[in-house]
Structure formats: structure tokens, C-alpha cells
């Protein structure tokens, strides 16, 4: 999952930004020397479908991942973003809440793991709780200084400034 996160959050940014021209030009490529399990293949497939604009197909793939592994926080986050784009706010909110619950458990279980805070922050972002999202993502960034996390933090701050009350 270490390698999936940057790819999936890049897809998140593309889908969230509605940048269809960029998304249509972007391709996810795989190397032949890495083997992925069924769950990972579905996650990559869903991300590819989202990039190509097949949001319904991506939603179905993320749903299949969740049916295989109900504790896959990233699948809930990604499906929530897709559902938001598909104008399904109730579905997006339900996925955000599920992701927040799972990520909360991860934070409790692994308080020194930056990915737990990052996931919880992204769940709060999906739910529109930008203050808590920024706190968690800031903490994840301070733990790792990972540039993709910093980009997520900047996006959250921007969303917070432009959010309608």
C-alpha cells in the first residue's frame, strides 16, 4: 500500500480539481516485475478508470475492494471522492465517515504512523471538516516531510478558505 497512496492521492487531486483535460492525458503505468494482489489490482484499475473519466466503473471497483476488505481506508476515501463527483453527497459522506472511523482506529493503534494521520485527515477533508483535516495532515507532514502530503495540506487550506459556510 506504500506505493498506492501517492498514485491514488494524485488521482484524488485530478478528480477533485475536475481537471478532465489533464486526467485524460495521464496514464498509470505498471512495471512487469511487481506483482499485485487482487485488491491492489482493483485499486489501480479504479484509479485508471477515474483518470479516464469512467467514474461509475471506478466506483464499482472501489466497492468491490471494500467488499473484499472492509477495513481498506483508501478504498473508502477514493470511493467517497468519486461519489462526490457523481453528485451523491450521501454516499460520499457515508464513505468519509467510514474512513474516519477506520483511520481513527489506526491512529489509536499506531500513534507514530504518519499514514494513519494522513488518512484520517483525508477523511475529515471529505467530510468538510477542514480544521481537523489540516491538523491531521499537518501532523503527518511533520512526521515525514513527504511532498505529496504537503500538497494535500495546501489543498485543504485552500478548500477551507473557499468553503461555503
Protein backbone atom coordinates (compact mmCIF):
# COMPACT_ATOMS: atom_id res chain seq x y z
CA UNK A 1 0.00 0.00 0.00
CA UNK A 2 3.03 2.27 0.42
CA UNK A 3 3.21 2.79 -3.35
CA UNK A 4 -0.53 3.13 -3.89
CA UNK A 5 -1.02 6.17 -1.69
CA UNK A 6 0.84 8.76 -3.83
CA UNK A 7 -0.79 7.47 -7.01
CA UNK A 8 -4.26 7.41 -5.53
CA UNK A 9 -3.96 10.84 -3.97
CA UNK A 10 -2.68 12.19 -7.28
CA UNK A 11 -5.83 10.75 -8.83
CA UNK A 12 -7.78 12.35 -5.98
CA UNK A 13 -6.33 15.73 -6.87
CA UNK A 14 -7.17 15.26 -10.53
CA UNK A 15 -10.71 14.14 -9.84
CA UNK A 16 -11.25 16.74 -7.10
CA UNK A 17 -9.97 19.52 -9.29
CA UNK A 18 -12.16 18.38 -12.16
CA UNK A 19 -9.15 18.62 -14.44
CA UNK A 20 -10.50 16.39 -17.18
CA UNK A 21 -8.01 17.54 -19.81
CA UNK A 22 -5.07 16.61 -17.60
CA UNK A 23 -6.80 13.46 -16.38
CA UNK A 24 -7.44 12.23 -19.90
CA UNK A 25 -3.78 12.68 -20.81
CA UNK A 26 -2.50 10.90 -17.69
CA UNK A 27 -1.87 7.16 -17.76
CA UNK A 28 -0.93 4.93 -14.86
CA UNK A 29 1.75 2.52 -15.93
CA UNK A 30 2.76 -0.70 -14.26
CA UNK A 31 6.07 -2.47 -14.30
CA UNK A 32 6.12 -6.16 -15.10
CA UNK A 33 8.44 -7.03 -12.22
CA UNK A 34 5.97 -6.06 -9.50
CA UNK A 35 3.17 -8.46 -8.64
CA UNK A 36 -0.02 -7.11 -7.14
CA UNK A 37 -2.78 -8.94 -5.33
CA UNK A 38 -6.42 -8.78 -6.46
CA UNK A 39 -7.21 -5.93 -4.07
CA UNK A 40 -4.28 -3.83 -5.31
CA UNK A 41 -5.14 -4.59 -8.94
CA UNK A 42 -8.68 -3.35 -8.34
CA UNK A 43 -7.37 -0.19 -6.66
CA UNK A 44 -5.10 0.54 -9.65
CA UNK A 45 -7.89 -0.32 -12.06
CA UNK A 46 -10.28 2.01 -10.28
CA UNK A 47 -7.71 4.81 -10.33
CA UNK A 48 -7.17 4.26 -14.04
CA UNK A 49 -10.91 4.37 -14.68
CA UNK A 50 -11.20 7.61 -12.70
CA UNK A 51 -8.40 9.17 -14.72
CA UNK A 52 -10.14 8.17 -17.95
CA UNK A 53 -13.44 9.62 -16.72
CA UNK A 54 -15.21 6.30 -16.06
CA UNK A 55 -16.36 7.33 -12.60
CA UNK A 56 -19.13 4.71 -12.39
CA UNK A 57 -16.63 1.97 -13.22
CA UNK A 58 -14.19 3.34 -10.64
CA UNK A 59 -16.96 3.42 -8.03
CA UNK A 60 -17.79 -0.23 -8.76
CA UNK A 61 -14.13 -1.26 -8.45
CA UNK A 62 -13.72 0.58 -5.13
CA UNK A 63 -16.95 -1.06 -3.93
CA UNK A 64 -15.53 -4.45 -4.85
CA UNK A 65 -12.35 -3.70 -2.88
CA UNK A 66 -14.46 -2.71 0.13
CA UNK A 67 -16.45 -5.94 -0.15
CA UNK A 68 -13.14 -7.85 -0.13
CA UNK A 69 -11.62 -5.82 2.70
CA UNK A 70 -13.98 -3.64 4.73
CA UNK A 71 -11.02 -2.07 6.55
CA UNK A 72 -9.38 -0.56 3.44
CA UNK A 73 -9.42 3.12 4.37
CA UNK A 74 -8.06 4.21 0.99
CA UNK A 75 -10.88 2.47 -0.87
CA UNK A 76 -13.47 4.35 1.20
CA UNK A 77 -11.64 7.64 0.65
CA UNK A 78 -11.37 7.15 -3.08
CA UNK A 79 -14.93 5.92 -3.49
CA UNK A 80 -16.13 8.88 -1.44
CA UNK A 81 -14.38 11.28 -3.79
CA UNK A 82 -15.84 9.50 -6.78
CA UNK A 83 -19.30 9.61 -5.25
CA UNK A 84 -18.94 13.32 -4.59
CA UNK A 85 -18.09 13.83 -8.26
CA UNK A 86 -21.10 11.70 -9.22
CA UNK A 87 -23.31 14.10 -7.21
CA UNK A 88 -24.00 11.52 -4.49
CA UNK A 89 -23.34 13.57 -1.33
CA UNK A 90 -24.98 10.98 0.96
CA UNK A 91 -22.73 8.23 -0.39
CA UNK A 92 -19.65 10.46 -0.17
CA UNK A 93 -20.50 11.36 3.42
CA UNK A 94 -21.06 7.72 4.38
CA UNK A 95 -17.68 6.79 2.88
CA UNK A 96 -16.00 9.71 4.64
CA UNK A 97 -17.49 8.63 7.95
CA UNK A 98 -16.42 5.00 7.43
CA UNK A 99 -12.90 6.14 6.51
CA UNK A 100 -12.74 8.43 9.57
CA UNK A 101 -13.77 5.60 11.92
CA UNK A 102 -11.20 3.22 10.42
CA UNK A 103 -8.47 5.87 10.38
CA UNK A 104 -9.27 6.81 13.98
CA UNK A 105 -8.67 3.19 14.97
CA UNK A 106 -5.37 3.24 13.09
CA UNK A 107 -4.29 6.44 14.88
CA UNK A 108 -5.11 4.82 18.24
CA UNK A 109 -3.32 1.62 17.28
CA UNK A 110 -0.32 3.28 15.59
CA UNK A 111 0.11 6.78 17.08
CA UNK A 112 3.56 7.17 15.48
CA UNK A 113 2.48 6.22 11.96
CA UNK A 114 2.10 9.22 9.68
CA UNK A 115 -0.14 7.37 7.22
CA UNK A 116 -2.80 6.96 9.93
CA UNK A 117 -2.97 10.72 10.47
CA UNK A 118 -2.87 11.37 6.74
CA UNK A 119 -5.77 9.00 6.11
CA UNK A 120 -7.80 10.46 8.95
CA UNK A 121 -7.09 13.97 7.69
CA UNK A 122 -8.23 13.00 4.21
CA UNK A 123 -11.41 11.50 5.69
CA UNK A 124 -12.11 14.75 7.53
CA UNK A 125 -11.44 16.62 4.30
CA UNK A 126 -14.03 14.50 2.52
CA UNK A 127 -16.46 15.30 5.32
CA UNK A 128 -15.76 19.04 5.02
CA UNK A 129 -14.11 19.30 8.46
CA UNK A 130 -11.15 21.26 7.12
CA UNK A 131 -9.86 22.39 10.53
CA UNK A 132 -9.40 18.82 11.79
CA UNK A 133 -8.23 17.68 8.35
CA UNK A 134 -5.49 20.31 8.34
CA UNK A 135 -4.37 19.35 11.86
CA UNK A 136 -4.05 15.68 10.98
CA UNK A 137 -2.39 16.21 7.61
CA UNK A 138 -0.02 18.78 9.14
CA UNK A 139 0.96 16.21 11.76
CA UNK A 140 1.55 13.58 9.06
CA UNK A 141 3.70 16.05 7.14
CA UNK A 142 5.74 16.95 10.21
CA UNK A 143 6.43 13.25 10.76
CA UNK A 144 7.64 12.56 7.20
CA UNK A 145 8.18 15.79 5.24
CA UNK A 146 6.63 13.93 2.29
CA UNK A 147 5.86 16.40 -0.50
CA UNK A 148 2.64 14.67 -1.55
CA UNK A 149 1.34 15.17 1.99
CA UNK A 150 2.35 18.84 1.87
CA UNK A 151 0.37 19.20 -1.36
CA UNK A 152 -2.67 17.67 0.36
CA UNK A 153 -2.25 20.14 3.23
CA UNK A 154 -2.12 23.07 0.83
CA UNK A 155 -5.27 21.82 -0.91
CA UNK A 156 -7.08 21.52 2.42
CA UNK A 157 -6.09 25.07 3.41
CA UNK A 158 -7.33 26.34 0.04
CA UNK A 159 -10.61 24.43 0.38
CA UNK A 160 -11.04 25.82 3.89
CA UNK A 161 -10.64 29.38 2.59
CA UNK A 162 -13.09 28.87 -0.26
CA UNK A 163 -15.66 26.65 1.51
CA UNK A 164 -19.18 27.96 1.70
CA UNK A 165 -20.47 28.04 5.28
